Amino acid sequence: MKLMIAMGVVLWASFLALLYLFIKVAYQTLDCYMLTPIRIKNIMSKQGVHGPKPGFLIGNLMDIASLISKSTSFDMPTVDHDIVPRLLPHYVLWSKIYGKRFIYWNGTEPRMCLAETELIKELLVKHSTTSGKSWLQQQGSKHFIGRGLLMANGQDWYHQRHIVAPAFIKDKLKSYAGYMVECTNELIQSMKKEVATGRVEFEIGEYMARLTADIISRTEFDSSYEKGKQIFHLLTVLQQLCAQASRHLCLPGSRFLPSKYNREIKSLKIEVERLLMEIIQSRTDCVEIGRSSSYGNDLLGMLLNEMQNKRGDNGFSLNLQLIMDECKTFFFAGHETTALLLTWTIMLLATNPSWQDKVRAEVREVCNGASPTVEDLSKLSMLNMVIKESLRLYPPASVLPRMAFDDIKLGDLHIPKGLSIWIPVLAIHHSEEIWGKDVNEFNPNRFVAQSFTQGRHFMPFAAGPRNCVGQSFALMEAKIILSMLISKFNFVISDSYRHAPVVVLTIKPKYGVQVCLKPLE
């Protein structure tokens, strides 16, 4: 009898424990997906910040998808740089109704779109430590770039930034220049051979993607760069799948369902990390058997050396998963943005022959027929202006997201903890109020007497302490490649080029950029 009572007590206690756990999880889920978002919405509504009415669970996702599908269903008839209505039609519509600050819903997450430049500057500079990437963003990129620097927050971000930053100091950048010149020379010779066989038209985006992948592979993995190129290819496919999957994440928890996208994404992630581990294992084996005294001078070697040193101040330390995430982040951020910058800049030069001639004349004067040196790059002012204007018209990312981790005061606004703030970079770069009536024209002269940051209104690499750590690398790479290409070829836009920018995480040409190349003797 006592045994039965004891068993009954244990069963009852177990039932109560399970019931408590169920209620706790249910409340946390309810709080995450309903109570907190409603509280945030009410706080912002009291401050006069409103927006379109959201649908149950899906928010405004269907509205955004419908507007973008409609705006991108046709190609632009000419090379027109007025691309905000095409890529951010929801912003154009809602900003006309609600102004420069409004709330819209990404599923169950309320987001405030903010286009007021002074408040943006305050957010990115003053509140850099109390804002960062949201949980939804981190989950969305978990299988793509993981928790590398791009997705880190707080102290983790601080330590990762200080570990990675030495890879981009001046002396280190100089050592990368040789790789950049070497890879570009190989591409030029390959293109000349193709022209000699009678080929005239080139889809320049493919060549720029291949070239920047070679450069990143060499600077990140050095002697293992062939395997690095395999990783690059897989990450490119993975990026496309993650972008497609993100459009289908309407219901809470849908990313955990065994859908076609989720299965393919996980399979590719496993293959990428298998290749990365092979490279890492090869490095560690060489050190362990005494064949090498260090893990290498490239980015991977630097990260492995840091892990071996075990400088885990404040509880932070590198592990193999984080090293792989940093490698994937560097691949995506370093390769993708530069390849697109080069592609869009060549398109702009091919459609603006007078500027192409100006840049070519400057390159010839500065470099005198030789490959550019690091010291030459600062003298290429015309090329620098063209690159800035290209980044203004076609910034790599159309929006810049930040989430408030604490209640913060932003200008006249009280921003509650948990609110995501989305900065429409593309719209700000195309704002007539900021840039003038010729805002949608290619005019590099606008950068003659203005600072690179344009008072924080120009932010292709973000701004403040959380700006892109590799922007100096990207700009040096772009200047070297463009100066070498423009000194060897004349670019003319092909009749087959169809101007159709689209957003797949970054701003890309839907059909590529076709140019006709003529070698210059």
Protein backbone atom coordinates (compact mmCIF):
# COMPACT_ATOMS: atom_id res chain seq x y z
CA MET A 1 0.00 0.00 0.00
CA LYS A 2 2.79 2.43 0.96
CA LEU A 3 4.60 1.52 -2.26
CA MET A 4 1.49 2.34 -4.29
CA ILE A 5 1.11 5.67 -2.50
CA ALA A 6 4.79 6.47 -3.08
CA MET A 7 4.44 5.60 -6.77
CA GLY A 8 1.34 7.74 -6.96
CA VAL A 9 3.19 10.67 -5.39
CA VAL A 10 6.08 10.25 -7.86
CA LEU A 11 3.69 10.07 -10.82
CA TRP A 12 1.77 13.10 -9.59
CA ALA A 13 5.02 15.04 -9.06
CA SER A 14 6.19 14.04 -12.55
CA PHE A 15 2.85 15.13 -14.01
CA LEU A 16 3.06 18.49 -12.23
CA ALA A 17 6.64 18.96 -13.42
CA LEU A 18 5.64 18.21 -17.01
CA LEU A 19 2.61 20.47 -16.69
CA TYR A 20 4.79 23.30 -15.33
CA LEU A 21 7.28 22.79 -18.16
CA PHE A 22 4.48 22.79 -20.75
CA ILE A 23 2.92 25.96 -19.30
CA LYS A 24 6.34 27.65 -19.15
CA VAL A 25 7.17 26.80 -22.79
CA ALA A 26 3.66 27.78 -23.90
CA TYR A 27 3.91 31.12 -22.09
CA GLN A 28 7.38 31.84 -23.46
CA THR A 29 6.15 31.03 -26.98
CA LEU A 30 3.06 33.19 -26.49
CA ASP A 31 5.19 35.99 -25.05
CA CYS A 32 7.72 35.78 -27.90
CA TYR A 33 5.24 35.61 -30.77
CA MET A 34 2.32 37.64 -29.44
CA LEU A 35 2.57 39.48 -26.10
CA THR A 36 5.96 41.19 -26.65
CA PRO A 37 5.22 42.22 -30.26
CA ILE A 38 1.84 43.68 -29.23
CA ARG A 39 3.49 45.54 -26.33
CA ILE A 40 6.13 46.98 -28.69
CA LYS A 41 3.44 47.98 -31.22
CA ASN A 42 1.43 49.78 -28.52
CA ILE A 43 4.50 51.65 -27.24
CA MET A 44 5.32 52.89 -30.74
CA SER A 45 1.68 53.73 -31.53
CA LYS A 46 1.53 56.03 -28.49
CA GLN A 47 4.50 57.91 -30.00
CA GLY A 48 2.71 58.34 -33.32
CA VAL A 49 4.57 55.59 -35.19
CA HIS A 50 2.06 53.57 -37.19
CA GLY A 51 2.06 51.33 -40.24
CA PRO A 52 0.07 48.93 -42.42
CA LYS A 53 -2.29 46.49 -40.73
CA PRO A 54 -0.63 43.06 -40.29
CA GLY A 55 -2.24 39.70 -41.04
CA PHE A 56 -2.46 37.01 -38.36
CA LEU A 57 0.94 35.26 -37.94
CA ILE A 58 2.18 36.32 -41.41
CA GLY A 59 2.21 40.08 -40.69
CA ASN A 60 2.88 42.06 -43.88
CA LEU A 61 4.96 39.36 -45.58
CA MET A 62 2.33 38.67 -48.24
CA ASP A 63 1.91 42.40 -48.96
CA ILE A 64 5.68 42.80 -49.40
CA ALA A 65 5.99 39.66 -51.54
CA SER A 66 3.11 40.77 -53.77
CA LEU A 67 4.52 44.28 -54.25
CA ILE A 68 8.03 43.02 -55.04
CA SER A 69 6.71 40.32 -57.37
CA LYS A 70 4.77 42.95 -59.29
CA SER A 71 7.61 45.51 -59.44
CA THR A 72 10.22 42.96 -60.59
CA SER A 73 7.96 41.09 -63.04
CA PHE A 74 9.29 43.21 -65.91
CA ASP A 75 12.73 44.41 -66.97
CA MET A 76 13.56 48.11 -66.99
CA PRO A 77 13.29 49.43 -70.60
CA THR A 78 16.59 51.33 -70.37
CA VAL A 79 19.58 51.50 -68.03
CA ASP A 80 17.70 53.53 -65.45
CA HIS A 81 19.20 53.93 -61.96
CA ASP A 82 15.87 54.83 -60.33
CA ILE A 83 15.63 51.37 -58.74
CA VAL A 84 14.06 52.07 -55.33
CA PRO A 85 10.46 51.60 -56.60
CA ARG A 86 11.56 48.30 -58.12
CA LEU A 87 13.47 46.82 -55.17
CA LEU A 88 11.74 48.49 -52.20
CA PRO A 89 8.16 49.10 -53.46
CA HIS A 90 6.74 48.53 -49.98
CA TYR A 91 8.99 51.25 -48.58
CA VAL A 92 7.94 53.68 -51.33
CA LEU A 93 4.23 52.94 -50.70
CA TRP A 94 4.29 53.03 -46.90
CA SER A 95 6.67 55.98 -46.54
CA LYS A 96 4.23 58.10 -48.59
CA ILE A 97 1.46 57.19 -46.16
CA TYR A 98 3.27 57.03 -42.81
CA GLY A 99 6.45 59.10 -43.31
CA LYS A 100 10.12 58.36 -42.59
CA ARG A 101 9.34 56.15 -39.60
CA PHE A 102 6.72 53.41 -39.66
CA ILE A 103 6.04 49.93 -38.27
CA TYR A 104 5.55 46.90 -40.47
CA TRP A 105 5.47 43.22 -39.54
CA ASN A 106 7.76 40.41 -40.65
CA GLY A 107 5.54 37.53 -39.60
CA THR A 108 5.14 38.02 -35.85
CA GLU A 109 8.09 40.43 -35.56
CA PRO A 110 7.37 44.18 -35.58
CA ARG A 111 10.00 46.22 -37.43
CA MET A 112 10.41 49.96 -37.53
CA CYS A 113 11.61 51.30 -40.86
CA LEU A 114 13.70 54.41 -40.15
CA ALA A 115 14.88 56.83 -42.86
CA GLU A 116 15.77 59.85 -40.69
CA THR A 117 19.51 60.29 -41.18
CA GLU A 118 20.30 61.99 -37.87
CA LEU A 119 18.53 59.26 -35.89
CA ILE A 120 20.29 56.60 -37.99
CA LYS A 121 23.66 58.14 -37.19
CA GLU A 122 22.78 58.21 -33.48
CA LEU A 123 21.68 54.55 -33.58
CA LEU A 124 24.78 53.27 -35.38
CA VAL A 125 27.30 55.33 -33.41
CA LYS A 126 25.89 55.99 -29.93
CA HIS A 127 23.94 52.76 -29.49
CA SER A 128 26.30 50.32 -31.20
CA THR A 129 26.74 48.26 -28.00
CA THR A 130 23.00 48.07 -27.20
CA SER A 131 21.89 47.03 -30.68
CA GLY A 132 22.80 44.30 -33.13
CA LYS A 133 21.45 41.32 -35.04
CA SER A 134 18.11 39.84 -34.00
CA TRP A 135 17.46 36.22 -33.08
CA LEU A 136 15.43 35.79 -36.29
CA GLN A 137 18.33 37.04 -38.40
CA GLN A 138 20.75 34.74 -36.61
CA GLN A 139 18.43 31.77 -37.12
CA GLY A 140 17.91 32.66 -40.79
CA SER A 141 21.66 32.64 -41.46
CA LYS A 142 22.53 29.82 -39.04
CA HIS A 143 23.21 27.28 -41.79
CA PHE A 144 24.81 29.85 -44.10
CA ILE A 145 27.38 31.88 -42.13
CA GLY A 146 26.56 30.79 -38.58
CA ARG A 147 27.68 32.98 -35.67
CA GLY A 148 30.65 34.65 -37.35
CA LEU A 149 31.42 38.34 -36.88
CA LEU A 150 28.54 39.47 -39.11
CA MET A 151 25.95 37.83 -36.81
CA ALA A 152 27.66 38.22 -33.43
CA ASN A 153 26.40 40.55 -30.69
CA GLY A 154 27.63 42.13 -27.47
CA GLN A 155 30.87 40.87 -25.98
CA ASP A 156 31.08 38.04 -28.51
CA TRP A 157 31.07 40.61 -31.32
CA TYR A 158 33.67 42.74 -29.49
CA HIS A 159 36.11 39.84 -29.07
CA GLN A 160 35.56 38.48 -32.58
CA ARG A 161 36.11 41.94 -34.07
CA HIS A 162 39.43 42.28 -32.21
CA ILE A 163 40.52 38.81 -33.35
CA VAL A 164 39.69 39.41 -37.03
CA ALA A 165 40.70 43.10 -37.31
CA PRO A 166 44.50 42.44 -37.51
CA ALA A 167 43.87 40.65 -40.84
CA PHE A 168 42.96 44.05 -42.33
CA ILE A 169 45.63 46.37 -40.95
CA LYS A 170 47.77 48.33 -43.42
CA ASP A 171 50.81 46.03 -43.56
CA LYS A 172 48.62 42.93 -43.91
CA LEU A 173 46.64 44.56 -46.73
CA LYS A 174 49.89 45.25 -48.58
CA SER A 175 50.71 41.55 -48.49
CA TYR A 176 47.34 40.75 -50.10
CA ALA A 177 47.97 43.13 -53.02
CA GLY A 178 50.33 40.64 -54.69
CA TYR A 179 47.61 37.98 -54.76
CA MET A 180 45.16 40.48 -56.24
CA VAL A 181 47.52 41.52 -59.04
CA GLU A 182 48.49 37.91 -59.78
CA CYS A 183 44.90 36.66 -59.98
CA THR A 184 43.81 39.63 -62.11
CA ASN A 185 46.71 39.10 -64.52
CA GLU A 186 45.66 35.46 -64.93
CA LEU A 187 42.09 36.55 -65.71
CA ILE A 188 43.25 39.19 -68.24
CA GLN A 189 45.37 36.65 -70.10
CA SER A 190 42.46 34.20 -70.15
CA MET A 191 40.08 36.86 -71.50
CA LYS A 192 42.58 37.94 -74.17
CA LYS A 193 42.80 34.34 -75.39
CA GLU A 194 39.02 34.16 -75.59
CA VAL A 195 38.89 37.42 -77.56
CA ALA A 196 41.57 36.05 -79.91
CA THR A 197 39.28 33.12 -80.75
CA GLY A 198 36.62 35.60 -81.90
CA ARG A 199 34.60 36.02 -78.73
CA VAL A 200 33.36 39.57 -78.18
CA GLU A 201 30.63 39.44 -75.53
CA PHE A 202 31.32 38.50 -71.90
CA GLU A 203 28.96 38.13 -68.94
CA ILE A 204 31.27 40.15 -66.72
CA GLY A 205 29.54 39.21 -63.47
CA GLU A 206 30.62 35.57 -63.81
CA TYR A 207 34.24 36.60 -64.39
CA MET A 208 34.23 39.00 -61.44
CA ALA A 209 32.72 36.34 -59.17
CA ARG A 210 35.37 33.86 -60.25
CA LEU A 211 38.18 36.38 -59.83
CA THR A 212 37.15 37.54 -56.35
CA ALA A 213 36.61 33.91 -55.32
CA ASP A 214 40.21 33.15 -56.38
CA ILE A 215 41.49 36.15 -54.39
CA ILE A 216 39.48 35.30 -51.28
CA SER A 217 40.53 31.65 -51.54
CA ARG A 218 44.20 32.64 -51.67
CA THR A 219 44.04 35.20 -48.85
CA GLU A 220 41.92 32.98 -46.63
CA PHE A 221 43.38 29.55 -47.38
CA ASP A 222 46.62 30.26 -49.31
CA SER A 223 47.93 26.91 -50.60
CA SER A 224 44.51 25.24 -50.16
CA TYR A 225 42.82 27.71 -52.45
CA GLU A 226 41.56 25.08 -54.93
CA LYS A 227 39.53 23.53 -52.13
CA GLY A 228 38.58 27.06 -51.13
CA LYS A 229 36.99 27.54 -54.55
CA GLN A 230 34.86 24.42 -53.96
CA ILE A 231 33.68 25.95 -50.69
CA PHE A 232 32.89 29.21 -52.50
CA HIS A 233 30.68 27.40 -55.02
CA LEU A 234 28.75 25.57 -52.29
CA LEU A 235 28.29 28.77 -50.28
CA THR A 236 26.90 30.53 -53.36
CA VAL A 237 24.23 27.81 -53.75
CA LEU A 238 23.61 27.87 -50.00
CA GLN A 239 23.07 31.65 -50.09
CA GLN A 240 20.42 31.29 -52.80
CA LEU A 241 18.61 28.54 -50.90
CA CYS A 242 18.63 30.51 -47.63
CA ALA A 243 17.21 33.54 -49.45
CA GLN A 244 14.43 31.39 -50.99
CA ALA A 245 13.69 29.66 -47.68
CA SER A 246 13.41 33.00 -45.84
CA ARG A 247 10.45 33.93 -48.05
CA HIS A 248 8.58 30.84 -46.86
CA LEU A 249 9.09 31.38 -43.11
CA CYS A 250 5.59 32.58 -42.34
CA LEU A 251 4.69 30.33 -39.39
CA PRO A 252 6.63 30.15 -36.10
CA GLY A 253 8.95 27.14 -36.12
CA SER A 254 8.64 26.52 -39.88
CA ARG A 255 12.44 26.58 -40.25
CA PHE A 256 12.55 23.32 -38.27
CA LEU A 257 10.18 21.43 -40.60
CA PRO A 258 11.76 18.80 -42.93
CA SER A 259 10.93 20.84 -46.04
CA LYS A 260 12.80 20.61 -49.34
CA TYR A 261 14.63 23.88 -48.62
CA ASN A 262 15.60 22.90 -45.08
CA ARG A 263 16.89 19.47 -46.14
CA GLU A 264 19.00 20.91 -48.97
CA ILE A 265 20.33 23.71 -46.77
CA LYS A 266 21.45 21.32 -44.03
CA SER A 267 23.05 18.97 -46.56
CA LEU A 268 25.08 21.79 -48.13
CA LYS A 269 26.08 23.14 -44.71
CA ILE A 270 27.46 19.71 -43.76
CA GLU A 271 29.46 19.51 -47.01
CA VAL A 272 30.91 23.03 -46.58
CA GLU A 273 32.00 22.29 -43.04
CA ARG A 274 33.48 18.92 -44.10
CA LEU A 275 35.72 20.71 -46.63
CA LEU A 276 36.65 23.36 -44.07
CA MET A 277 37.57 20.70 -41.52
CA GLU A 278 39.81 18.97 -44.09
CA ILE A 279 41.77 22.21 -44.55
CA ILE A 280 41.92 22.84 -40.80
CA GLN A 281 43.00 19.25 -40.07
CA SER A 282 45.76 19.52 -42.68
CA ARG A 283 47.11 22.65 -40.96
CA THR A 284 46.99 21.16 -37.47
CA ASP A 285 48.63 17.91 -38.65
CA CYS A 286 51.55 19.85 -40.20
CA VAL A 287 52.17 21.67 -36.91
CA GLU A 288 51.81 18.56 -34.76
CA ILE A 289 54.33 16.50 -36.76
CA GLY A 290 56.75 19.43 -36.90
CA ARG A 291 56.51 20.06 -40.64
CA SER A 292 55.48 23.65 -39.94
CA SER A 293 56.06 25.96 -36.99
CA SER A 294 52.81 27.91 -37.47
CA TYR A 295 49.34 27.46 -38.89
CA GLY A 296 50.02 29.96 -41.70
CA ASN A 297 49.90 33.70 -42.35
CA ASP A 298 46.49 33.73 -44.02
CA LEU A 299 43.18 34.40 -42.24
CA LEU A 300 42.65 30.76 -41.32
CA GLY A 301 46.18 30.49 -39.91
CA MET A 302 45.64 33.61 -37.84
CA LEU A 303 42.40 32.20 -36.38
CA LEU A 304 44.01 28.82 -35.60
CA ASN A 305 46.95 30.53 -33.90
CA GLU A 306 44.49 32.56 -31.83
CA MET A 307 42.64 29.40 -30.77
CA GLN A 308 45.90 27.70 -29.84
CA ASN A 309 46.96 30.68 -27.72
CA LYS A 310 43.69 30.29 -25.77
CA ARG A 311 43.43 33.94 -24.91
CA GLY A 312 39.91 33.57 -23.59
CA ASP A 313 39.50 36.83 -21.68
CA ASN A 314 36.04 37.42 -20.17
CA GLY A 315 35.10 33.83 -20.87
CA PHE A 316 35.40 34.16 -24.65
CA SER A 317 37.45 31.64 -26.60
CA LEU A 318 37.61 30.44 -30.17
CA ASN A 319 36.52 26.94 -31.12
CA LEU A 320 36.53 25.05 -34.43
CA GLN A 321 32.86 25.81 -35.16
CA LEU A 322 33.43 29.53 -34.69
CA ILE A 323 36.55 29.41 -36.88
CA MET A 324 34.49 27.76 -39.64
CA ASP A 325 31.78 30.40 -39.20
CA GLU A 326 34.37 33.19 -39.49
CA CYS A 327 35.73 31.61 -42.69
CA LYS A 328 32.23 31.38 -44.17
CA THR A 329 31.48 34.98 -43.15
CA PHE A 330 34.70 36.25 -44.74
CA PHE A 331 33.89 34.31 -47.90
CA PHE A 332 30.37 35.77 -48.17
CA ALA A 333 31.12 39.33 -47.08
CA GLY A 334 34.51 39.60 -48.79
CA HIS A 335 33.69 37.86 -52.04
CA GLU A 336 30.05 38.75 -52.64
CA THR A 337 30.21 42.49 -52.04
CA THR A 338 33.39 43.03 -54.08
CA ALA A 339 32.19 40.92 -57.03
CA LEU A 340 28.96 42.94 -57.18
CA LEU A 341 30.80 46.25 -56.77
CA LEU A 342 33.03 45.34 -59.73
CA THR A 343 30.10 44.12 -61.85
CA TRP A 344 27.96 47.22 -61.31
CA THR A 345 30.96 49.56 -61.77
CA ILE A 346 31.90 47.96 -65.10
CA MET A 347 28.26 48.29 -66.20
CA LEU A 348 28.34 51.99 -65.29
CA LEU A 349 31.65 52.57 -67.09
CA ALA A 350 30.40 50.63 -70.14
CA THR A 351 27.32 52.89 -70.34
CA ASN A 352 29.30 56.07 -69.63
CA PRO A 353 32.26 56.04 -72.07
CA SER A 354 33.40 59.58 -71.20
CA TRP A 355 34.04 58.53 -67.59
CA GLN A 356 35.69 55.34 -68.80
CA ASP A 357 38.12 57.45 -70.83
CA LYS A 358 38.84 59.73 -67.85
CA VAL A 359 39.62 56.80 -65.55
CA ARG A 360 41.76 55.07 -68.17
CA ALA A 361 43.81 58.24 -68.74
CA GLU A 362 44.35 58.59 -64.98
CA VAL A 363 45.45 54.94 -64.62
CA ARG A 364 47.93 55.32 -67.47
CA GLU A 365 49.37 58.47 -65.94
CA VAL A 366 49.71 57.05 -62.43
CA CYS A 367 50.78 53.47 -63.24
CA ASN A 368 52.66 54.18 -66.48
CA GLY A 369 51.73 50.84 -68.02
CA ALA A 370 52.74 48.76 -64.99
CA SER A 371 50.53 46.89 -62.52
CA PRO A 372 49.28 49.20 -59.76
CA THR A 373 51.08 49.26 -56.42
CA VAL A 374 49.44 49.95 -53.07
CA GLU A 375 51.04 53.42 -53.15
CA ASP A 376 49.46 54.12 -56.56
CA LEU A 377 45.91 53.52 -55.35
CA SER A 378 45.61 56.76 -53.33
CA LYS A 379 46.50 58.73 -56.48
CA LEU A 380 43.60 57.26 -58.50
CA SER A 381 41.09 59.94 -57.46
CA MET A 382 38.85 59.58 -60.55
CA LEU A 383 38.57 55.84 -60.03
CA ASN A 384 37.85 56.40 -56.34
CA MET A 385 34.97 58.76 -57.21
CA VAL A 386 33.54 56.25 -59.71
CA ILE A 387 33.63 53.46 -57.11
CA LYS A 388 31.86 55.65 -54.54
CA GLU A 389 29.16 56.56 -57.03
CA SER A 390 28.72 52.90 -57.93
CA LEU A 391 28.31 52.04 -54.23
CA ARG A 392 25.79 54.85 -53.86
CA LEU A 393 23.63 53.76 -56.80
CA TYR A 394 24.00 50.00 -56.19
CA PRO A 395 24.97 49.38 -52.55
CA PRO A 396 25.57 45.67 -51.83
CA ALA A 397 22.74 45.57 -49.25
CA SER A 398 19.42 47.38 -49.76
CA VAL A 399 18.68 47.51 -46.00
CA LEU A 400 20.67 47.57 -42.76
CA PRO A 401 18.97 45.89 -39.76
CA ARG A 402 19.55 46.47 -36.05
CA MET A 403 17.65 45.23 -32.97
CA ALA A 404 17.51 47.09 -29.65
CA PHE A 405 18.74 44.86 -26.80
CA ASP A 406 17.70 47.39 -24.14
CA ASP A 407 15.27 50.28 -23.94
CA ILE A 408 17.03 53.21 -25.63
CA LYS A 409 16.35 56.87 -26.29
CA LEU A 410 16.71 57.73 -29.97
CA GLY A 411 16.09 61.41 -30.68
CA ASP A 412 12.49 62.02 -29.62
CA LEU A 413 11.67 58.31 -29.65
CA HIS A 414 11.65 55.75 -26.85
CA ILE A 415 12.75 52.48 -28.47
CA PRO A 416 11.60 49.45 -26.44
CA LYS A 417 13.80 46.42 -25.98
CA GLY A 418 13.21 43.88 -28.74
CA LEU A 419 12.24 46.30 -31.51
CA SER A 420 14.01 45.69 -34.82
CA ILE A 421 14.99 48.82 -36.73
CA TRP A 422 15.48 48.51 -40.48
CA ILE A 423 17.41 51.24 -42.28
CA PRO A 424 16.56 51.48 -46.02
CA VAL A 425 20.12 52.15 -47.26
CA LEU A 426 19.10 52.04 -50.94
CA ALA A 427 16.34 54.62 -50.41
CA ILE A 428 18.69 56.94 -48.49
CA HIS A 429 21.33 56.64 -51.23
CA HIS A 430 18.64 57.62 -53.76
CA SER A 431 17.07 60.40 -51.69
CA GLU A 432 16.60 63.59 -53.73
CA GLU A 433 16.41 65.53 -50.47
CA ILE A 434 19.98 64.46 -49.61
CA TRP A 435 21.69 64.12 -53.00
CA GLY A 436 19.88 66.62 -55.24
CA LYS A 437 17.69 66.41 -58.33
CA ASP A 438 20.25 64.33 -60.27
CA VAL A 439 20.09 61.63 -57.58
CA ASN A 440 19.31 58.86 -60.09
CA GLU A 441 22.06 59.86 -62.51
CA PHE A 442 25.61 58.51 -62.61
CA ASN A 443 27.64 61.53 -61.50
CA PRO A 444 30.95 60.72 -59.73
CA ASN A 445 31.69 64.46 -59.48
CA ARG A 446 29.35 64.64 -56.50
CA PHE A 447 32.19 63.07 -54.46
CA VAL A 448 34.89 65.56 -55.48
CA ALA A 449 34.72 67.72 -52.35
CA GLN A 450 32.77 65.51 -49.98
CA SER A 451 33.98 63.09 -47.34
CA PHE A 452 33.70 59.37 -47.95
CA THR A 453 30.89 58.97 -45.43
CA GLN A 454 28.84 61.92 -46.75
CA GLY A 455 27.86 62.85 -43.20
CA ARG A 456 26.79 59.24 -42.53
CA HIS A 457 24.23 59.44 -45.36
CA PHE A 458 26.56 57.32 -47.48
CA MET A 459 26.84 53.91 -45.84
CA PRO A 460 27.51 51.04 -48.24
CA PHE A 461 29.61 49.40 -45.50
CA ALA A 462 27.32 50.47 -42.62
CA ALA A 463 28.68 53.03 -40.13
CA GLY A 464 29.86 53.42 -36.56
CA PRO A 465 31.84 50.81 -34.59
CA ARG A 466 29.94 47.94 -36.27
CA ASN A 467 30.93 49.00 -39.78
CA CYS A 468 32.39 46.43 -42.18
CA VAL A 469 35.79 45.33 -40.88
CA GLY A 470 36.89 44.35 -44.40
CA GLN A 471 35.94 47.52 -46.28
CA SER A 472 39.59 48.55 -46.81
CA PHE A 473 40.28 45.10 -48.27
CA ALA A 474 37.26 45.35 -50.60
CA LEU A 475 38.12 48.86 -51.82
CA MET A 476 41.79 48.02 -52.41
CA GLU A 477 40.77 44.90 -54.33
CA ALA A 478 38.24 46.84 -56.44
CA LYS A 479 40.77 49.56 -57.32
CA ILE A 480 43.47 47.08 -58.31
CA ILE A 481 41.15 44.97 -60.47
CA LEU A 482 39.40 47.90 -62.18
CA SER A 483 42.63 49.78 -62.88
CA MET A 484 44.17 46.67 -64.46
CA LEU A 485 41.09 45.79 -66.52
CA ILE A 486 40.49 49.32 -67.79
CA SER A 487 44.11 49.63 -68.91
CA LYS A 488 43.78 46.46 -71.03
CA PHE A 489 40.20 46.58 -72.36
CA ASN A 490 37.58 48.98 -73.63
CA PHE A 491 34.09 48.15 -72.26
CA VAL A 492 30.90 48.64 -74.29
CA ILE A 493 27.54 47.52 -72.98
CA SER A 494 26.07 44.74 -75.13
CA ASP A 495 22.74 45.04 -76.95
CA SER A 496 21.71 41.84 -75.14
CA TYR A 497 22.05 43.44 -71.68
CA ARG A 498 18.72 43.62 -69.83
CA HIS A 499 18.70 45.98 -66.87
CA ALA A 500 16.89 44.12 -64.09
CA PRO A 501 18.36 44.54 -60.57
CA VAL A 502 16.95 42.11 -57.99
CA VAL A 503 17.58 41.46 -54.30
CA VAL A 504 18.89 38.01 -53.30
CA LEU A 505 20.26 39.06 -49.89
CA THR A 506 22.35 41.53 -51.94
CA ILE A 507 21.51 43.65 -55.02
CA LYS A 508 22.31 41.62 -58.12
CA PRO A 509 21.74 41.88 -61.91
CA LYS A 510 19.02 39.30 -62.64
CA TYR A 511 20.46 38.25 -66.01
CA GLY A 512 24.07 39.26 -65.41
CA VAL A 513 25.90 42.13 -67.14
CA GLN A 514 26.88 41.50 -70.77
CA VAL A 515 29.67 43.72 -72.10
CA CYS A 516 31.68 43.71 -75.31
CA LEU A 517 35.44 43.79 -74.73
CA LYS A 518 38.00 45.26 -77.08
CA PRO A 519 41.66 44.74 -76.11
CA LEU A 520 43.78 47.89 -76.06
CA GLU A 521 47.25 47.67 -77.55
